[in-house]
């Protein structure tokens, strides 16, 4: 298994990039989140990697952080999710945003990512719910750039910030009618529901 590569960036044309590592050229594919973090062509870069072996090819994927690579690996364990969908998710949202969507069970935010259908999003939310606890030692990674998420995920984050425990927030938001609601409406309804219990 190739854990990481450190070398000179030869080319970058999303989703493909090439690295010269000691005179050996490695071709990789990477999500847009990694492309945004890449230096200029000719500079040295270190990428965390994941190798996918198929009958007809060995495909190498590169990531700017170990959290991105771990989330990609967890996504590949979801039935019906392959490397293309994993790259699409990490290109459309950062790690923190994806984890918030999973924690809040926010289907709508996931289906806005190109290539992610409703059935895939629902299956992903169900199968990833328990796995995200292991990513980053059970905590959401810090320092990730903001990325657009749905109202349910934003409401989830706000309620956790108010002191509610994540499982309790999940139960509260499950009891709220989310159709057409914005973030503030969801928070208001969840707080009203919490007060009535």
Foldseek 3Di string as FASTA:
>chain_A
DDFKAKAFWADDDAQWTWGQGPNDIDIAGEAVLQVVVDDDHGDIAMWGWDWDDDPVDIHIYTHRDPLLVVVLVQQCPQPPDDNVLSSQQCNQAPQLQVLLCLLLVPQPQSCVRPPDDSVNSNSSSVSCNVVVCPRPVHDRDPDDDDHDHALSSVLLVVVVVVPDDSVLSSVLLVPDDPVPDGNVRSNVSSVVVVVVD
